[in-house]
Protein backbone atom coordinates (compact mmCIF):
# COMPACT_ATOMS: atom_id res chain seq x y z
CA MET A 1 11.40 2.85 36.60
CA SER A 2 13.61 2.19 33.60
CA PRO A 3 16.71 4.32 33.12
CA ALA A 4 16.56 7.09 30.56
CA THR A 5 17.86 6.27 27.15
CA PRO A 6 21.16 8.10 26.48
CA GLY A 7 20.56 10.93 24.03
CA GLY A 8 16.77 10.92 24.38
CA SER A 9 13.79 8.61 24.03
CA PRO A 10 13.75 5.85 21.41
CA GLY A 11 11.29 7.87 19.34
CA ARG A 12 13.57 10.92 19.28
CA LEU A 13 16.59 8.81 18.43
CA ALA A 14 14.69 7.20 15.56
CA TRP A 15 13.54 10.59 14.28
CA ARG A 16 17.09 11.98 14.39
CA ALA A 17 18.37 8.97 12.46
CA PHE A 18 15.55 9.31 9.95
CA ARG A 19 16.25 13.02 9.35
CA ARG A 20 19.88 12.24 8.52
CA ASN A 21 18.70 9.92 5.71
CA GLY A 22 18.22 12.29 2.76
CA PRO A 23 16.49 9.86 0.35
CA ALA A 24 14.09 8.77 3.11
CA VAL A 25 13.13 12.39 3.86
CA VAL A 26 12.51 13.02 0.17
CA GLY A 27 10.42 9.84 0.05
CA LEU A 28 8.36 11.01 3.04
CA ALA A 29 7.77 14.40 1.37
CA VAL A 30 6.55 12.71 -1.83
CA VAL A 31 4.32 10.34 0.18
CA LEU A 32 2.74 13.30 2.02
CA GLY A 33 2.28 15.06 -1.31
CA PHE A 34 0.58 11.94 -2.67
CA PHE A 35 -1.79 11.98 0.32
CA ALA A 36 -2.63 15.63 -0.34
CA LEU A 37 -3.09 14.99 -4.07
CA ALA A 38 -5.45 12.09 -3.40
CA LEU A 39 -7.56 14.17 -0.99
CA VAL A 40 -7.65 17.10 -3.42
CA GLY A 41 -8.69 14.68 -6.15
CA LEU A 42 -11.52 13.38 -3.98
CA ALA A 43 -12.78 16.92 -3.42
CA LEU A 44 -12.50 18.06 -7.03
CA THR A 45 -13.72 15.00 -8.94
CA LYS A 46 -16.69 13.86 -6.84
CA GLY A 47 -20.18 15.25 -6.43
CA SER A 48 -23.10 16.08 -8.72
CA ARG A 49 -21.17 18.93 -10.38
CA PRO A 50 -17.48 18.24 -9.91
CA VAL A 51 -14.93 20.95 -10.57
CA LEU A 52 -12.99 18.44 -12.68
CA ASP A 53 -15.00 15.69 -14.32
CA PRO A 54 -12.80 12.69 -15.18
CA ARG A 55 -15.64 10.99 -17.09
CA GLU A 56 -16.84 13.85 -19.32
CA VAL A 57 -16.39 12.89 -22.99
CA ARG A 58 -15.48 15.79 -25.31
CA LEU A 59 -14.79 14.30 -28.75
CA PRO A 60 -13.81 17.64 -30.35
CA ASP A 61 -10.97 17.82 -27.80
CA ARG A 62 -9.60 14.31 -28.25
CA LEU A 63 -5.81 13.86 -27.93
CA ARG A 64 -5.15 17.48 -26.98
CA ALA A 65 -1.59 18.11 -25.77
CA PRO A 66 -0.79 19.26 -22.20
CA PHE A 67 -1.67 22.92 -21.49
CA ALA A 68 -3.85 23.06 -24.60
CA ARG A 69 -7.08 24.99 -24.55
CA PRO A 70 -10.39 23.36 -25.57
CA VAL A 71 -11.88 23.81 -29.02
CA ALA A 72 -13.97 26.97 -28.91
CA ASP A 73 -17.05 25.85 -30.88
CA GLN A 74 -18.58 23.75 -28.10
CA PRO A 75 -21.55 24.36 -25.80
CA PRO A 76 -20.37 26.26 -22.70
CA ALA A 77 -21.68 23.49 -20.44
CA GLN A 78 -19.24 21.01 -22.03
CA LEU A 79 -16.14 23.17 -21.64
CA PRO A 80 -13.71 22.31 -18.79
CA ARG A 81 -14.16 24.58 -15.80
CA LEU A 82 -10.43 25.29 -15.59
CA GLY A 83 -10.39 26.45 -19.21
CA ILE A 84 -7.25 24.46 -19.95
CA TYR A 85 -6.12 20.84 -20.11
CA LEU A 86 -3.11 20.72 -17.77
CA LEU A 87 -2.10 17.19 -18.77
CA GLY A 88 -3.91 16.97 -22.11
CA THR A 89 -6.79 14.70 -23.06
CA ASP A 90 -7.20 11.06 -24.07
CA GLU A 91 -8.76 9.45 -27.14
CA LEU A 92 -12.28 10.33 -25.92
CA GLY A 93 -11.45 13.91 -25.00
CA ARG A 94 -11.46 13.21 -21.25
CA ASP A 95 -9.29 15.43 -19.05
CA VAL A 96 -6.16 13.44 -18.12
CA PHE A 97 -5.46 15.69 -15.12
CA ALA A 98 -8.91 14.94 -13.68
CA ARG A 99 -8.46 11.23 -14.35
CA MET A 100 -5.04 11.23 -12.67
CA LEU A 101 -6.56 12.87 -9.58
CA GLU A 102 -9.29 10.24 -9.42
CA GLY A 103 -6.69 7.52 -9.96
CA ALA A 104 -4.58 8.86 -7.08
CA PHE A 105 -7.46 8.36 -4.64
CA VAL A 106 -8.16 4.89 -6.03
CA SER A 107 -4.49 3.92 -5.61
CA LEU A 108 -4.41 5.32 -2.08
CA SER A 109 -7.59 3.46 -1.13
CA VAL A 110 -6.42 0.15 -2.58
CA GLY A 111 -2.97 0.48 -1.02
CA PHE A 112 -4.09 1.25 2.52
CA VAL A 113 -7.13 -1.02 2.72
CA ALA A 114 -5.23 -3.98 1.25
CA VAL A 115 -2.21 -3.39 3.51
CA GLY A 116 -4.44 -2.89 6.55
CA LEU A 117 -6.02 -6.29 5.90
CA ALA A 118 -2.62 -7.91 5.28
CA VAL A 119 -1.11 -6.39 8.45
CA GLY A 120 -4.08 -7.52 10.54
CA ILE A 121 -3.75 -11.10 9.30
CA GLY A 122 0.04 -11.01 9.64
CA ILE A 123 -0.10 -9.79 13.25
CA VAL A 124 -2.54 -12.54 14.25
CA VAL A 125 -0.67 -15.32 12.47
CA GLY A 126 2.78 -14.11 13.52
CA GLY A 127 1.67 -13.52 17.10
CA VAL A 128 0.23 -17.02 17.42
CA ALA A 129 3.34 -18.59 15.88
CA GLY A 130 5.71 -16.62 18.09
CA TYR A 131 3.91 -17.05 21.40
CA TYR A 132 2.41 -20.54 21.06
CA GLY A 133 5.20 -21.89 18.83
CA PRO A 134 6.37 -24.82 21.01
CA THR A 135 2.80 -25.99 21.71
CA ARG A 136 2.16 -29.36 20.12
CA LEU A 137 -1.03 -30.16 18.25
CA GLY A 138 -2.83 -33.47 18.17
CA VAL A 139 -3.96 -36.10 20.67
CA GLY A 140 -1.81 -38.39 22.81
CA ARG A 141 1.21 -39.82 21.01
CA LEU A 142 0.12 -38.21 17.78
CA ARG A 143 1.12 -34.76 19.05
CA LEU A 144 3.96 -34.45 16.57
CA LEU A 145 3.27 -31.09 14.96
CA THR A 146 3.96 -27.80 16.76
CA VAL A 147 2.07 -24.56 16.19
CA ASP A 148 5.23 -22.92 14.90
CA THR A 149 5.84 -25.71 12.38
CA LEU A 150 2.26 -25.49 11.13
CA VAL A 151 2.27 -21.70 10.77
CA THR A 152 5.72 -21.44 9.18
CA GLY A 153 4.74 -24.25 6.80
CA LEU A 154 1.62 -22.30 5.81
CA ILE A 155 3.75 -19.18 5.23
CA ASP A 156 6.23 -21.16 3.10
CA VAL A 157 3.39 -22.61 1.03
CA MET A 158 1.91 -19.15 0.44
CA LEU A 159 5.32 -17.76 -0.51
CA SER A 160 5.87 -20.59 -2.99
CA PHE A 161 2.93 -19.43 -5.12
CA PRO A 162 3.64 -16.78 -7.76
CA THR A 163 1.61 -14.09 -6.00
CA PHE A 164 0.72 -11.93 -8.99
CA PHE A 165 -0.55 -14.86 -11.05
CA LEU A 166 -2.54 -16.09 -8.05
CA ILE A 167 -4.13 -12.64 -7.71
CA LEU A 168 -4.74 -12.53 -11.46
CA THR A 169 -6.51 -15.90 -11.37
CA VAL A 170 -8.73 -14.98 -8.43
CA VAL A 171 -9.63 -11.57 -9.87
CA ALA A 172 -10.45 -13.15 -13.24
CA VAL A 173 -12.94 -15.48 -11.51
CA LEU A 174 -14.54 -12.85 -9.27
CA LYS A 175 -16.70 -9.94 -10.41
CA PRO A 176 -14.50 -6.89 -11.17
CA SER A 177 -14.70 -4.51 -8.23
CA ILE A 178 -12.40 -2.22 -6.29
CA TRP A 179 -13.34 -4.06 -3.08
CA ASN A 180 -12.45 -7.43 -4.60
CA ILE A 181 -9.07 -6.01 -5.63
CA MET A 182 -8.43 -4.77 -2.09
CA VAL A 183 -9.43 -8.04 -0.44
CA VAL A 184 -7.50 -10.27 -2.85
CA ILE A 185 -4.30 -8.22 -2.53
CA GLY A 186 -4.66 -8.19 1.26
CA LEU A 187 -5.25 -11.94 1.51
CA THR A 188 -2.16 -12.72 -0.57
CA SER A 189 0.37 -10.32 0.98
CA TRP A 190 0.38 -10.98 4.76
CA GLU A 191 3.32 -13.39 4.84
CA GLY A 192 6.06 -10.78 5.27
CA THR A 193 4.30 -9.16 8.24
CA ALA A 194 3.70 -12.56 9.84
CA ARG A 195 7.38 -13.46 9.60
CA PHE A 196 8.47 -10.11 11.07
CA VAL A 197 6.03 -10.37 13.99
CA ARG A 198 6.95 -14.00 14.67
CA ALA A 199 10.68 -13.17 14.77
CA GLU A 200 10.16 -10.21 17.09
CA ILE A 201 7.90 -12.13 19.47
CA LEU A 202 10.33 -15.05 19.63
CA SER A 203 12.96 -12.62 20.89
CA LEU A 204 10.60 -10.81 23.28
CA ARG A 205 8.68 -13.62 24.93
CA GLU A 206 11.59 -14.52 27.26
CA GLN A 207 11.98 -10.96 28.52
CA GLU A 208 11.33 -10.19 32.18
CA PHE A 209 8.28 -8.00 31.55
CA ILE A 210 6.57 -10.89 29.76
CA HIS A 211 7.27 -13.25 32.66
CA ALA A 212 5.93 -10.60 35.05
CA ALA A 213 2.71 -10.28 33.03
CA GLN A 214 2.28 -14.05 33.02
CA ALA A 215 2.92 -14.23 36.75
CA ALA A 216 0.24 -11.59 37.26
CA GLY A 217 -2.27 -13.93 35.60
CA ALA A 218 -2.39 -12.42 32.10
CA ARG A 219 -3.66 -14.90 29.53
CA GLY A 220 -1.98 -15.60 26.22
CA ARG A 221 -4.21 -13.33 24.13
CA ARG A 222 -3.71 -10.40 26.51
CA VAL A 223 0.05 -10.94 26.61
CA ILE A 224 0.20 -10.95 22.81
CA LEU A 225 -2.03 -7.91 22.24
CA ARG A 226 -0.99 -5.74 25.20
CA HIS A 227 2.70 -6.53 25.60
CA LEU A 228 4.23 -8.36 22.65
CA VAL A 229 2.64 -6.78 19.57
CA PRO A 230 3.16 -3.13 20.72
CA ASN A 231 6.86 -3.89 21.21
CA ALA A 232 7.07 -5.49 17.76
CA VAL A 233 5.39 -2.59 15.96
CA GLY A 234 8.59 -1.27 14.34
CA PRO A 235 9.01 -4.04 11.75
CA VAL A 236 5.24 -4.01 11.20
CA LEU A 237 5.32 -0.32 10.25
CA VAL A 238 8.18 -0.94 7.85
CA SER A 239 6.39 -3.90 6.30
CA ALA A 240 3.18 -1.86 5.96
CA THR A 241 4.98 1.04 4.29
CA LEU A 242 6.65 -1.22 1.75
CA GLY A 243 3.39 -3.13 1.33
CA VAL A 244 1.52 0.01 0.23
CA ALA A 245 3.98 0.44 -2.63
CA GLY A 246 3.51 -3.19 -3.62
CA ALA A 247 -0.28 -2.92 -3.48
CA ILE A 248 -0.29 0.22 -5.66
CA LEU A 249 1.97 -1.49 -8.19
CA THR A 250 -0.19 -4.64 -8.18
CA GLU A 251 -3.42 -2.68 -8.67
CA SER A 252 -1.85 -0.69 -11.52
CA SER A 253 -0.66 -3.90 -13.17
CA LEU A 254 -4.10 -5.51 -12.89
CA SER A 255 -5.80 -2.42 -14.30
CA PHE A 256 -3.28 -2.28 -17.15
CA LEU A 257 -4.16 -5.89 -18.04
CA GLY A 258 -7.90 -5.18 -17.81
CA PHE A 259 -8.55 -7.12 -14.59
CA GLY A 260 -8.50 -4.19 -12.18
CA VAL A 261 -11.02 -1.54 -11.19
CA PRO A 262 -13.70 -1.56 -13.92
CA PRO A 263 -14.48 1.49 -16.11
CA PRO A 264 -15.59 4.22 -16.03
CA ALA A 265 -13.52 4.66 -12.85
CA ALA A 266 -10.08 6.00 -13.67
CA THR A 267 -6.92 4.38 -12.31
CA TRP A 268 -3.32 4.98 -13.24
CA GLY A 269 -3.15 1.49 -14.68
CA ASN A 270 -6.07 1.83 -17.09
CA ILE A 271 -4.94 5.34 -18.13
CA LEU A 272 -1.61 3.75 -19.04
CA ALA A 273 -3.38 0.91 -20.86
CA ASP A 274 -5.53 3.32 -22.89
CA GLY A 275 -2.47 5.37 -23.81
CA LYS A 276 -0.34 2.53 -25.16
CA ARG A 277 -2.23 2.63 -28.47
CA TYR A 278 -1.25 6.28 -28.95
CA ILE A 279 2.31 6.15 -27.64
CA PHE A 280 3.66 8.05 -30.67
CA ASP A 281 0.69 10.35 -31.35
CA ALA A 282 0.00 11.23 -27.70
CA PRO A 283 3.01 10.20 -25.58
CA TRP A 284 1.70 12.07 -22.52
CA LEU A 285 -0.95 9.36 -22.09
CA THR A 286 1.88 6.93 -21.30
CA LEU A 287 4.45 9.22 -19.68
CA VAL A 288 2.12 10.87 -17.15
CA PRO A 289 0.68 7.75 -15.43
CA GLY A 290 3.93 5.80 -15.86
CA THR A 291 5.96 8.54 -14.17
CA ALA A 292 3.38 8.90 -11.40
CA ILE A 293 3.51 5.15 -10.61
CA LEU A 294 7.32 5.19 -10.68
CA VAL A 295 7.64 8.21 -8.37
CA VAL A 296 5.03 7.10 -5.82
CA VAL A 297 6.27 3.50 -5.57
CA LEU A 298 9.89 4.67 -5.31
CA ALA A 299 8.93 7.21 -2.62
CA PHE A 300 7.18 4.57 -0.49
CA ASN A 301 10.18 2.25 -0.85
CA LEU A 302 12.66 4.97 0.14
CA PHE A 303 10.48 5.98 3.08
CA GLY A 304 10.14 2.36 4.19
CA GLU A 305 13.88 1.70 3.94
CA GLY A 306 14.65 4.84 5.94
CA LEU A 307 12.04 3.92 8.54
CA ARG A 308 13.55 0.44 8.85
CA ASP A 309 17.01 1.86 9.49
CA ALA A 310 15.65 4.41 11.98
CA VAL A 311 13.65 2.01 14.17
CA ASN A 312 16.36 -0.67 14.25
CA PRO A 313 19.01 0.28 16.86
CA ARG A 314 21.62 -1.97 15.26
CA LEU A 315 21.23 -0.33 11.86
CA ARG A 316 20.91 3.12 13.45
CA GLU A 317 24.33 2.89 15.05
CA ARG A 318 26.15 2.26 11.78
C-alpha cells in the first residue's frame, strides 16, 4: 500500500493548483459555455421545423443590423420565429445568430473528432517508441536501426512539413466534406501527443511497478495499455486540450479560404469569409465570427496551460 500523498490525493492537489490559476478558470468557464452553446445550437437549428433556421433566405431583410426587427411586409411563414435578429443578417438575409449556433456545433465536432483521432495515433506511436525503443530492426548484422530511431525520425519528418499547407493540399484534392476535414486534421496533428507519450514512457518503464508487471508475465501490449499509458495521461490531456484549439482554428482557416465544410452548412470561417466583402457596410459579419474564434481558441489555450501546470508536480510547486 502506497503512502498517502501529503495534502491529499494527486487529483485534489491538481484541482487546488488549477483553481488558483485565474486565467485557466476563466478559460474553463468559456470552454463549458462553448459546449453549452454548441448543444443549444444543435437543438435549435436542426429538425424539419427548426426554431432558428440558419439556411432560410430572406432577401427583404438582407444586411440588417444586430437587434433589428424583420421587414413587416413578408409572409408570416418567412418571418424569424424569435421576431428579432440578435446578431443581424448577412447578404442573403440569413440569421447570423442561427448560423453562429450551427457553426459552434461544427467547430466542436471538428475539434473533438480530429483531436480524438490525433490522440489515438499519438498514443500508439509514442507508446511503441517509448517501450520498444531499444529494439533493433532488421536481420542479422543489418540490425542497425532501432524502433525509437525510426519513430522519432518519422515524427521529425512530419514536423518538417508546413502542416497547414499540407492540409490545404490534401483537402483541395479530396471531395469537400466535414468528415474529410476531421480526418485530415487528425492525421496531420498527432506528433505532439506522440512525443509527450514517448517521453513519459521512457521515464516510467524503469519503475518498479513496470518490472513487477513484466515479472508477472504481462506482455508488451498489456504493459503499455494497462500500466504505462494511464500513468502518462496528464500530458496527453494537455496536448488534447491545446489540440482542440488548433483544430478549430485550422477548420476556420480552411473554411475562410473556401476549402472547408461546403455550403450551405454554416461555419465560423465561411461566415467570416462572406462578411469580408461588407466589412464597412455590415461590420458585424466580420466582428461576430472573428471575436468568437478569438475567444474560444484563447479559452482552450488558457485552459490547457492551466491544466499543464496543475498536473505537473514540478510546475505546481512553483
